[in-house]
PDB file of N, CA and C in Angstrom:
ATOM      1  N   MET A   1      90.949 102.632 105.974  1.00  0.00           N
ATOM      2  CA  MET A   1      91.601 103.132 104.775  1.00  0.00           C
ATOM      3  C   MET A   1      90.812 102.677 103.559  1.00  0.00           C
ATOM      4  N   SER A   2      90.725 103.538 102.571  1.00  0.00           N
ATOM      5  CA  SER A   2      90.000 103.197 101.351  1.00  0.00           C
ATOM      6  C   SER A   2      90.803 102.172 100.554  1.00  0.00           C
ATOM      7  N   PRO A   3      90.087 101.354  99.769  1.00  0.00           N
ATOM      8  CA  PRO A   3      90.799 100.350  98.972  1.00  0.00           C
ATOM      9  C   PRO A   3      91.704 101.013  97.938  1.00  0.00           C
ATOM     10  N   LEU A   4      92.768 100.328  97.618  1.00  0.00           N
ATOM     11  CA  LEU A   4      93.714 100.852  96.632  1.00  0.00           C
ATOM     12  C   LEU A   4      93.148 100.724  95.231  1.00  0.00           C
ATOM     13  N   ARG A   5      93.394 101.740  94.430  1.00  0.00           N
ATOM     14  CA  ARG A   5      93.027 101.690  93.018  1.00  0.00           C
ATOM     15  C   ARG A   5      94.034 100.775  92.324  1.00  0.00           C
ATOM     16  N   MET A   6      93.535  99.795  91.600  1.00  0.00           N
ATOM     17  CA  MET A   6      94.410  98.832  90.947  1.00  0.00           C
ATOM     18  C   MET A   6      94.713  99.241  89.516  1.00  0.00           C
ATOM     19  N   THR A   7      95.929  99.685  89.309  1.00  0.00           N
ATOM     20  CA  THR A   7      96.422 100.022  87.982  1.00  0.00           C
ATOM     21  C   THR A   7      97.198  98.825  87.439  1.00  0.00           C
ATOM     22  N   THR A   8      97.509  98.847  86.174  1.00  0.00           N
ATOM     23  CA  THR A   8      98.288  97.750  85.589  1.00  0.00           C
ATOM     24  C   THR A   8      99.644  97.601  86.272  1.00  0.00           C
ATOM     25  N   PRO A   9     100.409  98.675  86.522  1.00  0.00           N
ATOM     26  CA  PRO A   9     101.682  98.492  87.231  1.00  0.00           C
ATOM     27  C   PRO A   9     101.505  97.898  88.633  1.00  0.00           C
ATOM     28  N   ARG A  10     100.463  98.300  89.341  1.00  0.00           N
ATOM     29  CA  ARG A  10     100.226  97.728  90.675  1.00  0.00           C
ATOM     30  C   ARG A  10      99.893  96.249  90.577  1.00  0.00           C
ATOM     31  N   LEU A  11      99.094  95.881  89.579  1.00  0.00           N
ATOM     32  CA  LEU A  11      98.772  94.465  89.396  1.00  0.00           C
ATOM     33  C   LEU A  11     100.008  93.655  89.015  1.00  0.00           C
ATOM     34  N   LEU A  12     100.870  94.224  88.189  1.00  0.00           N
ATOM     35  CA  LEU A  12     102.115  93.529  87.831  1.00  0.00           C
ATOM     36  C   LEU A  12     103.001  93.320  89.058  1.00  0.00           C
ATOM     37  N   ALA A  13     103.088  94.332  89.910  1.00  0.00           N
ATOM     38  CA  ALA A  13     103.871  94.205  91.140  1.00  0.00           C
ATOM     39  C   ALA A  13     103.262  93.148  92.060  1.00  0.00           C
ATOM     40  N   LEU A  14     101.946  93.152  92.181  1.00  0.00           N
ATOM     41  CA  LEU A  14     101.287  92.138  93.010  1.00  0.00           C
ATOM     42  C   LEU A  14     101.555  90.741  92.484  1.00  0.00           C
ATOM     43  N   ARG A  15     101.468  90.574  91.166  1.00  0.00           N
ATOM     44  CA  ARG A  15     101.734  89.251  90.583  1.00  0.00           C
ATOM     45  C   ARG A  15     103.146  88.782  90.909  1.00  0.00           C
ATOM     46  N   ALA A  16     104.102  89.696  90.841  1.00  0.00           N
ATOM     47  CA  ALA A  16     105.485  89.330  91.165  1.00  0.00           C
ATOM     48  C   ALA A  16     105.595  88.902  92.629  1.00  0.00           C
ATOM     49  N   PHE A  17     104.951  89.629  93.522  1.00  0.00           N
ATOM     50  CA  PHE A  17     104.970  89.242  94.938  1.00  0.00           C
ATOM     51  C   PHE A  17     104.255  87.911  95.144  1.00  0.00           C
ATOM     52  N   LEU A  18     103.144  87.706  94.468  1.00  0.00           N
ATOM     53  CA  LEU A  18     102.348  86.497  94.673  1.00  0.00           C
ATOM     54  C   LEU A  18     102.988  85.251  94.071  1.00  0.00           C
ATOM     55  N   ASP A  19     103.980  85.418  93.189  1.00  0.00           N
ATOM     56  CA  ASP A  19     104.706  84.251  92.666  1.00  0.00           C
ATOM     57  C   ASP A  19     105.337  83.456  93.795  1.00  0.00           C
ATOM     58  N   ASP A  20     105.805  84.145  94.825  1.00  0.00           N
ATOM     59  CA  ASP A  20     106.355  83.512  96.028  1.00  0.00           C
ATOM     60  C   ASP A  20     106.107  84.472  97.189  1.00  0.00           C
ATOM     61  N   PRO A  21     104.929  84.410  97.807  1.00  0.00           N
ATOM     62  CA  PRO A  21     104.548  85.397  98.818  1.00  0.00           C
ATOM     63  C   PRO A  21     105.487  85.498 100.019  1.00  0.00           C
ATOM     64  N   ALA A  22     106.197  84.442 100.331  1.00  0.00           N
ATOM     65  CA  ALA A  22     107.077  84.470 101.502  1.00  0.00           C
ATOM     66  C   ALA A  22     108.436  85.097 101.204  1.00  0.00           C
ATOM     67  N   GLN A  23     108.768  85.267  99.938  1.00  0.00           N
ATOM     68  CA  GLN A  23     110.087  85.792  99.573  1.00  0.00           C
ATOM     69  C   GLN A  23     110.164  87.300  99.780  1.00  0.00           C
ATOM     70  N   GLU A  24     111.263  87.737 100.367  1.00  0.00           N
ATOM     71  CA  GLU A  24     111.526  89.170 100.492  1.00  0.00           C
ATOM     72  C   GLU A  24     112.092  89.680  99.175  1.00  0.00           C
ATOM     73  N   ARG A  25     111.701  90.890  98.806  1.00  0.00           N
ATOM     74  CA  ARG A  25     112.194  91.494  97.574  1.00  0.00           C
ATOM     75  C   ARG A  25     112.609  92.927  97.852  1.00  0.00           C
ATOM     76  N   TYR A  26     113.610  93.392  97.130  1.00  0.00           N
ATOM     77  CA  TYR A  26     113.965  94.807  97.179  1.00  0.00           C
ATOM     78  C   TYR A  26     113.486  95.437  95.871  1.00  0.00           C
ATOM     79  N   GLY A  27     113.439  96.748  95.828  1.00  0.00           N
ATOM     80  CA  GLY A  27     112.809  97.468  94.727  1.00  0.00           C
ATOM     81  C   GLY A  27     113.294  97.104  93.345  1.00  0.00           C
ATOM     82  N   LEU A  28     114.603  97.092  93.117  1.00  0.00           N
ATOM     83  CA  LEU A  28     115.132  96.800  91.781  1.00  0.00           C
ATOM     84  C   LEU A  28     114.819  95.366  91.368  1.00  0.00           C
ATOM     85  N   ASP A  29     114.918  94.437  92.292  1.00  0.00           N
ATOM     86  CA  ASP A  29     114.581  93.039  92.024  1.00  0.00           C
ATOM     87  C   ASP A  29     113.119  92.926  91.606  1.00  0.00           C
ATOM     88  N   LEU A  30     112.244  93.588  92.327  1.00  0.00           N
ATOM     89  CA  LEU A  30     110.818  93.559  92.007  1.00  0.00           C
ATOM     90  C   LEU A  30     110.555  94.204  90.649  1.00  0.00           C
ATOM     91  N   ALA A  31     111.203  95.326  90.385  1.00  0.00           N
ATOM     92  CA  ALA A  31     111.020  96.017  89.110  1.00  0.00           C
ATOM     93  C   ALA A  31     111.392  95.099  87.947  1.00  0.00           C
ATOM     94  N   GLN A  32     112.510  94.411  88.070  1.00  0.00           N
ATOM     95  CA  GLN A  32     112.949  93.517  87.001  1.00  0.00           C
ATOM     96  C   GLN A  32     111.984  92.357  86.822  1.00  0.00           C
ATOM     97  N   GLN A  33     111.526  91.765  87.917  1.00  0.00           N
ATOM     98  CA  GLN A  33     110.621  90.625  87.817  1.00  0.00           C
ATOM     99  C   GLN A  33     109.265  91.042  87.251  1.00  0.00           C
ATOM    100  N   ALA A  34     108.783  92.213  87.635  1.00  0.00           N
ATOM    101  CA  ALA A  34     107.471  92.677  87.186  1.00  0.00           C
ATOM    102  C   ALA A  34     107.520  93.323  85.809  1.00  0.00           C
ATOM    103  N   GLY A  35     108.725  93.620  85.312  1.00  0.00           N
ATOM    104  CA  GLY A  35     108.861  94.285  84.021  1.00  0.00           C
ATOM    105  C   GLY A  35     108.520  95.764  84.094  1.00  0.00           C
ATOM    106  N   LEU A  36     108.818  96.375  85.231  1.00  0.00           N
ATOM    107  CA  LEU A  36     108.522  97.794  85.455  1.00  0.00           C
ATOM    108  C   LEU A  36     109.802  98.576  85.669  1.00  0.00           C
ATOM    109  N   GLU A  37     109.712  99.877  85.491  1.00  0.00           N
ATOM    110  CA  GLU A  37     110.843 100.759  85.778  1.00  0.00           C
ATOM    111  C   GLU A  37     110.936 100.970  87.289  1.00  0.00           C
ATOM    112  N   PRO A  38     112.149 101.087  87.836  1.00  0.00           N
ATOM    113  CA  PRO A  38     112.288 101.302  89.274  1.00  0.00           C
ATOM    114  C   PRO A  38     111.520 102.525  89.780  1.00  0.00           C
ATOM    115  N   GLY A  39     111.472 103.578  88.994  1.00  0.00           N
ATOM    116  CA  GLY A  39     110.749 104.774  89.414  1.00  0.00           C
ATOM    117  C   GLY A  39     109.257 104.546  89.551  1.00  0.00           C
ATOM    118  N   THR A  40     108.751 103.527  88.893  1.00  0.00           N
ATOM    119  CA  THR A  40     107.340 103.158  89.004  1.00  0.00           C
ATOM    120  C   THR A  40     107.110 102.290  90.230  1.00  0.00           C
ATOM    121  N   VAL A  41     108.071 101.457  90.555  1.00  0.00           N
ATOM    122  CA  VAL A  41     107.901 100.480  91.630  1.00  0.00           C
ATOM    123  C   VAL A  41     107.884 101.122  93.013  1.00  0.00           C
ATOM    124  N   TYR A  42     108.748 102.086  93.260  1.00  0.00           N
ATOM    125  CA  TYR A  42     108.860 102.610  94.621  1.00  0.00           C
ATOM    126  C   TYR A  42     107.587 103.276  95.134  1.00  0.00           C
ATOM    127  N   PRO A  43     106.863 104.070  94.341  1.00  0.00           N
ATOM    128  CA  PRO A  43     105.582 104.593  94.838  1.00  0.00           C
ATOM    129  C   PRO A  43     104.560 103.480  95.109  1.00  0.00           C
ATOM    130  N   ILE A  44     104.618 102.414  94.339  1.00  0.00           N
ATOM    131  CA  ILE A  44     103.732 101.271  94.564  1.00  0.00           C
ATOM    132  C   ILE A  44     104.055 100.616  95.898  1.00  0.00           C
ATOM    133  N   LEU A  45     105.341 100.434  96.175  1.00  0.00           N
ATOM    134  CA  LEU A  45     105.744  99.835  97.446  1.00  0.00           C
ATOM    135  C   LEU A  45     105.284 100.686  98.621  1.00  0.00           C
ATOM    136  N   VAL A  46     105.408 101.994  98.511  1.00  0.00           N
ATOM    137  CA  VAL A  46     104.966 102.906  99.580  1.00  0.00           C
ATOM    138  C   VAL A  46     103.458 102.775  99.787  1.00  0.00           C
ATOM    139  N   ALA A  47     102.701 102.747  98.700  1.00  0.00           N
ATOM    140  CA  ALA A  47     101.239 102.628  98.809  1.00  0.00           C
ATOM    141  C   ALA A  47     100.831 101.288  99.418  1.00  0.00           C
ATOM    142  N   PHE A  48     101.458 100.203  98.990  1.00  0.00           N
ATOM    143  CA  PHE A  48     101.137  98.882  99.534  1.00  0.00           C
ATOM    144  C   PHE A  48     101.499  98.785 101.010  1.00  0.00           C
ATOM    145  N   GLU A  49     102.624  99.372 101.373  1.00  0.00           N
ATOM    146  CA  GLU A  49     103.024  99.331 102.790  1.00  0.00           C
ATOM    147  C   GLU A  49     102.070 100.170 103.639  1.00  0.00           C
ATOM    148  N   ALA A  50     101.670 101.324 103.140  1.00  0.00           N
ATOM    149  CA  ALA A  50     100.728 102.179 103.869  1.00  0.00           C
ATOM    150  C   ALA A  50      99.379 101.490 104.040  1.00  0.00           C
ATOM    151  N   ALA A  51      98.999 100.659 103.074  1.00  0.00           N
ATOM    152  CA  ALA A  51      97.731  99.928 103.153  1.00  0.00           C
ATOM    153  C   ALA A  51      97.828  98.702 104.053  1.00  0.00           C
ATOM    154  N   GLY A  52      99.040  98.369 104.509  1.00  0.00           N
ATOM    155  CA  GLY A  52      99.228  97.197 105.357  1.00  0.00           C
ATOM    156  C   GLY A  52      99.439  95.911 104.582  1.00  0.00           C
ATOM    157  N   TRP A  53      99.644  96.025 103.278  1.00  0.00           N
ATOM    158  CA  TRP A  53      99.845  94.841 102.447  1.00  0.00           C
ATOM    159  C   TRP A  53     101.285  94.347 102.466  1.00  0.00           C
ATOM    160  N   LEU A  54     102.217  95.218 102.839  1.00  0.00           N
ATOM    161  CA  LEU A  54     103.640  94.864 102.876  1.00  0.00           C
ATOM    162  C   LEU A  54     104.228  95.225 104.223  1.00  0.00           C
ATOM    163  N   SER A  55     105.220  94.457 104.614  1.00  0.00           N
ATOM    164  CA  SER A  55     106.091  94.857 105.723  1.00  0.00           C
ATOM    165  C   SER A  55     107.476  95.050 105.108  1.00  0.00           C
ATOM    166  N   SER A  56     108.300  95.851 105.759  1.00  0.00           N
ATOM    167  CA  SER A  56     109.631  96.085 105.209  1.00  0.00           C
ATOM    168  C   SER A  56     110.661  96.130 106.317  1.00  0.00           C
ATOM    169  N   ARG A  57     111.888  95.961 105.898  1.00  0.00           N
ATOM    170  CA  ARG A  57     113.009  96.071 106.831  1.00  0.00           C
ATOM    171  C   ARG A  57     114.213  96.573 106.059  1.00  0.00           C
ATOM    172  N   ALA A  58     115.072  97.287 106.763  1.00  0.00           N
ATOM    173  CA  ALA A  58     116.319  97.757 106.158  1.00  0.00           C
ATOM    174  C   ALA A  58     117.356  96.646 106.278  1.00  0.00           C
ATOM    175  N   GLU A  59     118.118  96.479 105.234  1.00  0.00           N
ATOM    176  CA  GLU A  59     119.180  95.481 105.221  1.00  0.00           C
ATOM    177  C   GLU A  59     120.272  95.897 106.193  1.00  0.00           C
ATOM    178  N   GLU A  60     120.796  94.942 106.912  1.00  0.00           N
ATOM    179  CA  GLU A  60     121.915  95.216 107.813  1.00  0.00           C
ATOM    180  C   GLU A  60     123.192  94.789 107.110  1.00  0.00           C
ATOM    181  N   VAL A  61     123.876  95.773 106.530  1.00  0.00           N
ATOM    182  CA  VAL A  61     125.068  95.496 105.750  1.00  0.00           C
ATOM    183  C   VAL A  61     126.004  96.696 105.879  1.00  0.00           C
ATOM    184  N   ASN A  62     127.274  96.418 105.808  1.00  0.00           N
ATOM    185  CA  ASN A  62     128.257  97.495 105.804  1.00  0.00           C
ATOM    186  C   ASN A  62     128.357  98.008 104.365  1.00  0.00           C
ATOM    187  N   VAL A  63     127.867  99.211 104.139  1.00  0.00           N
ATOM    188  CA  VAL A  63     127.819  99.754 102.773  1.00  0.00           C
ATOM    189  C   VAL A  63     129.206  99.933 102.174  1.00  0.00           C
ATOM    190  N   TYR A  64     130.201 100.128 103.004  1.00  0.00           N
ATOM    191  CA  TYR A  64     131.566 100.308 102.506  1.00  0.00           C
ATOM    192  C   TYR A  64     132.160  98.987 102.042  1.00  0.00           C
ATOM    193  N   VAL A  65     131.856  97.917 102.753  1.00  0.00           N
ATOM    194  CA  VAL A  65     132.347  96.598 102.364  1.00  0.00           C
ATOM    195  C   VAL A  65     131.618  96.110 101.114  1.00  0.00           C
ATOM    196  N   GLU A  66     130.298  96.289 101.093  1.00  0.00           N
ATOM    197  CA  GLU A  66     129.488  95.822  99.961  1.00  0.00           C
ATOM    198  C   GLU A  66     129.654  96.697  98.728  1.00  0.00           C
ATOM    199  N   GLY A  67     129.982  97.964  98.928  1.00  0.00           N
ATOM    200  CA  GLY A  67     130.147  98.883  97.807  1.00  0.00           C
ATOM    201  C   GLY A  67     128.838  99.274  97.140  1.00  0.00           C
ATOM    202  N   ARG A  68     127.773  99.245  97.913  1.00  0.00           N
ATOM    203  CA  ARG A  68     126.455  99.620  97.398  1.00  0.00           C
ATOM    204  C   ARG A  68     125.607 100.123  98.564  1.00  0.00           C
ATOM    205  N   PRO A  69     124.546 100.860  98.241  1.00  0.00           N
ATOM    206  CA  PRO A  69     123.662 101.342  99.313  1.00  0.00           C
ATOM    207  C   PRO A  69     122.921 100.201 100.004  1.00  0.00           C
ATOM    208  N   ARG A  70     122.465 100.460 101.197  1.00  0.00           N
ATOM    209  CA  ARG A  70     121.648  99.518 101.953  1.00  0.00           C
ATOM    210  C   ARG A  70     120.307  99.350 101.230  1.00  0.00           C
ATOM    211  N   ARG A  71     119.804  98.136 101.167  1.00  0.00           N
ATOM    212  CA  ARG A  71     118.524  97.858 100.512  1.00  0.00           C
ATOM    213  C   ARG A  71     117.401  97.793 101.541  1.00  0.00           C
ATOM    214  N   ARG A  72     116.202  98.074 101.090  1.00  0.00           N
ATOM    215  CA  ARG A  72     115.001  97.868 101.909  1.00  0.00           C
ATOM    216  C   ARG A  72     114.282  96.676 101.298  1.00  0.00           C
ATOM    217  N   TYR A  73     114.033  95.669 102.135  1.00  0.00           N
ATOM    218  CA  TYR A  73     113.368  94.451 101.685  1.00  0.00           C
ATOM    219  C   TYR A  73     111.898  94.493 102.076  1.00  0.00           C
ATOM    220  N   TYR A  74     111.056  94.039 101.156  1.00  0.00           N
ATOM    221  CA  TYR A  74     109.607  94.041 101.331  1.00  0.00           C
ATOM    222  C   TYR A  74     109.077  92.619 101.230  1.00  0.00           C
ATOM    223  N   ARG A  75     108.047  92.353 102.037  1.00  0.00           N
ATOM    224  CA  ARG A  75     107.386  91.044 102.008  1.00  0.00           C
ATOM    225  C   ARG A  75     105.895  91.261 102.191  1.00  0.00           C
ATOM    226  N   LEU A  76     105.093  90.469 101.497  1.00  0.00           N
ATOM    227  CA  LEU A  76     103.648  90.548 101.663  1.00  0.00           C
ATOM    228  C   LEU A  76     103.258  90.127 103.078  1.00  0.00           C
ATOM    229  N   THR A  77     102.318  90.847 103.661  1.00  0.00           N
ATOM    230  CA  THR A  77     101.727  90.439 104.935  1.00  0.00           C
ATOM    231  C   THR A  77     100.613  89.443 104.616  1.00  0.00           C
ATOM    232  N   ALA A  78     100.037  88.825 105.642  1.00  0.00           N
ATOM    233  CA  ALA A  78      98.905  87.920 105.419  1.00  0.00           C
ATOM    234  C   ALA A  78      97.754  88.677 104.764  1.00  0.00           C
ATOM    235  N   ALA A  79      97.511  89.898 105.235  1.00  0.00           N
ATOM    236  CA  ALA A  79      96.457  90.725 104.635  1.00  0.00           C
ATOM    237  C   ALA A  79      96.803  91.068 103.193  1.00  0.00           C
ATOM    238  N   GLY A  80      98.084  91.274 102.915  1.00  0.00           N
ATOM    239  CA  GLY A  80      98.526  91.587 101.562  1.00  0.00           C
ATOM    240  C   GLY A  80      98.345  90.423 100.611  1.00  0.00           C
ATOM    241  N   VAL A  81      98.600  89.214 101.096  1.00  0.00           N
ATOM    242  CA  VAL A  81      98.399  88.028 100.251  1.00  0.00           C
ATOM    243  C   VAL A  81      96.928  87.920  99.876  1.00  0.00           C
ATOM    244  N   THR A  82      96.061  88.031 100.877  1.00  0.00           N
ATOM    245  CA  THR A  82      94.617  87.934 100.631  1.00  0.00           C
ATOM    246  C   THR A  82      94.137  89.042  99.699  1.00  0.00           C
ATOM    247  N   ALA A  83      94.497  90.284 100.015  1.00  0.00           N
ATOM    248  CA  ALA A  83      94.073  91.425  99.200  1.00  0.00           C
ATOM    249  C   ALA A  83      94.657  91.340  97.796  1.00  0.00           C
ATOM    250  N   GLY A  84      95.901  90.913  97.685  1.00  0.00           N
ATOM    251  CA  GLY A  84      96.537  90.789  96.383  1.00  0.00           C
ATOM    252  C   GLY A  84      95.866  89.734  95.520  1.00  0.00           C
ATOM    253  N   GLN A  85      95.572  88.590  96.104  1.00  0.00           N
ATOM    254  CA  GLN A  85      94.887  87.536  95.354  1.00  0.00           C
ATOM    255  C   GLN A  85      93.501  88.008  94.900  1.00  0.00           C
ATOM    256  N   GLU A  86      92.796  88.719  95.784  1.00  0.00           N
ATOM    257  CA  GLU A  86      91.475  89.239  95.432  1.00  0.00           C
ATOM    258  C   GLU A  86      91.575  90.282  94.320  1.00  0.00           C
ATOM    259  N   ALA A  87      92.569  91.154  94.394  1.00  0.00           N
ATOM    260  CA  ALA A  87      92.735  92.200  93.376  1.00  0.00           C
ATOM    261  C   ALA A  87      93.066  91.599  92.018  1.00  0.00           C
ATOM    262  N   VAL A  88      93.963  90.620  91.987  1.00  0.00           N
ATOM    263  CA  VAL A  88      94.332  89.975  90.722  1.00  0.00           C
ATOM    264  C   VAL A  88      93.134  89.210  90.159  1.00  0.00           C
ATOM    265  N   ALA A  89      92.409  88.502  91.018  1.00  0.00           N
ATOM    266  CA  ALA A  89      91.226  87.761  90.557  1.00  0.00           C
ATOM    267  C   ALA A  89      90.168  88.713  89.994  1.00  0.00           C
ATOM    268  N   ALA A  90      89.962  89.847  90.662  1.00  0.00           N
ATOM    269  CA  ALA A  90      88.981  90.824  90.186  1.00  0.00           C
ATOM    270  C   ALA A  90      89.403  91.402  88.839  1.00  0.00           C
ATOM    271  N   ALA A  91      90.690  91.656  88.665  1.00  0.00           N
ATOM    272  CA  ALA A  91      91.183  92.184  87.392  1.00  0.00           C
ATOM    273  C   ALA A  91      91.011  91.152  86.282  1.00  0.00           C
ATOM    274  N   GLU A  92      91.283  89.896  86.593  1.00  0.00           N
ATOM    275  CA  GLU A  92      91.101  88.838  85.597  1.00  0.00           C
ATOM    276  C   GLU A  92      89.628  88.702  85.224  1.00  0.00           C
ATOM    277  N   LYS A  93      88.751  88.840  86.208  1.00  0.00           N
ATOM    278  CA  LYS A  93      87.312  88.749  85.948  1.00  0.00           C
ATOM    279  C   LYS A  93      86.841  89.908  85.057  1.00  0.00           C
ATOM    280  N   ARG A  94      87.322  91.126  85.352  1.00  0.00           N
ATOM    281  CA  ARG A  94      86.959  92.281  84.525  1.00  0.00           C
ATOM    282  C   ARG A  94      87.455  92.106  83.099  1.00  0.00           C
ATOM    283  N   ARG A  95      88.678  91.640  82.978  1.00  0.00           N
ATOM    284  CA  ARG A  95      89.255  91.455  81.645  1.00  0.00           C
ATOM    285  C   ARG A  95      88.495  90.372  80.885  1.00  0.00           C
ATOM    286  N   SER A  96      88.152  89.310  81.567  1.00  0.00           N
ATOM    287  CA  SER A  96      87.406  88.223  80.950  1.00  0.00           C
ATOM    288  C   SER A  96      86.050  88.715  80.461  1.00  0.00           C
ATOM    289  N   ALA A  97      85.407  89.554  81.239  1.00  0.00           N
ATOM    290  CA  ALA A  97      84.096  90.090  80.857  1.00  0.00           C
ATOM    291  C   ALA A  97      84.212  90.981  79.619  1.00  0.00           C
ATOM    292  N   ARG A  98      85.321  91.701  79.493  1.00  0.00           N
ATOM    293  CA  ARG A  98      85.510  92.608  78.343  1.00  0.00           C
ATOM    294  C   ARG A  98      85.933  91.876  77.086  1.00  0.00           C
ATOM    295  N   THR A  99      86.797  90.880  77.237  1.00  0.00           N
ATOM    296  CA  THR A  99      87.416  90.269  76.062  1.00  0.00           C
ATOM    297  C   THR A  99      87.003  88.829  75.814  1.00  0.00           C
ATOM    298  N   GLY A 100      86.400  88.196  76.786  1.00  0.00           N
ATOM    299  CA  GLY A 100      86.080  86.784  76.642  1.00  0.00           C
ATOM    300  C   GLY A 100      87.260  85.900  76.994  1.00  0.00           C
ATOM    301  N   SER A 101      88.419  86.502  77.252  1.00  0.00           N
ATOM    302  CA  SER A 101      89.620  85.748  77.658  1.00  0.00           C
ATOM    303  C   SER A 101      89.623  85.599  79.168  1.00  0.00           C
ATOM    304  N   ARG A 102      90.155  84.506  79.655  1.00  0.00           N
ATOM    305  CA  ARG A 102      90.195  84.284  81.101  1.00  0.00           C
ATOM    306  C   ARG A 102      91.553  84.602  81.722  1.00  0.00           C
ATOM    307  N   ARG A 103      92.514  85.034  80.938  1.00  0.00           N
ATOM    308  CA  ARG A 103      93.844  85.322  81.478  1.00  0.00           C
ATOM    309  C   ARG A 103      94.226  86.752  81.183  1.00  0.00           C
ATOM    310  N   LEU A 104      94.966  87.329  82.103  1.00  0.00           N
ATOM    311  CA  LEU A 104      95.504  88.670  81.879  1.00  0.00           C
ATOM    312  C   LEU A 104      96.571  88.608  80.808  1.00  0.00           C
ATOM    313  N   ALA A 105      96.736  89.675  80.094  1.00  0.00           N
ATOM    314  CA  ALA A 105      97.691  89.691  78.976  1.00  0.00           C
ATOM    315  C   ALA A 105      99.091  90.060  79.419  1.00  0.00           C
ATOM    316  N   TRP A 106      99.456  89.775  80.653  1.00  0.00           N
ATOM    317  CA  TRP A 106     100.811  90.043  81.092  1.00  0.00           C
ATOM    318  C   TRP A 106     101.460  88.752  81.286  1.00  0.00           C
TER     319      TRP A 106
END
C-alpha cells in the first residue's frame, strides 16, 4: 500500500492517538481531543485502519439500556505507533525547515 498523505487533520488525529497509544478511542472522543469536526475524523479513521495503523472493535452494549448508538473503538497498532511517530517527526522537520521553529503550531 502506498504511504498515506499527511494532512494537518491527519497529523492532529495522530497526535491525539500518540498522547496515549494504548488507549482506545471512539470517533467523537478523538474529534474533541484533536480539535476536529466529527465529519473530518471518520474518513481519517477509515484511512488509518485500511493502512493497518489502527485496529477497531464494536462496543458490546445494549443500545436500549444505554440510550445511545453502539460505538466503534479504535486503537493504534504497533505499526501505527511507529508510522505515526515517523509522520509527526517528518512534519515537525518540514515545519522547522520552513519557519526555523522546532514545534508544530498545534
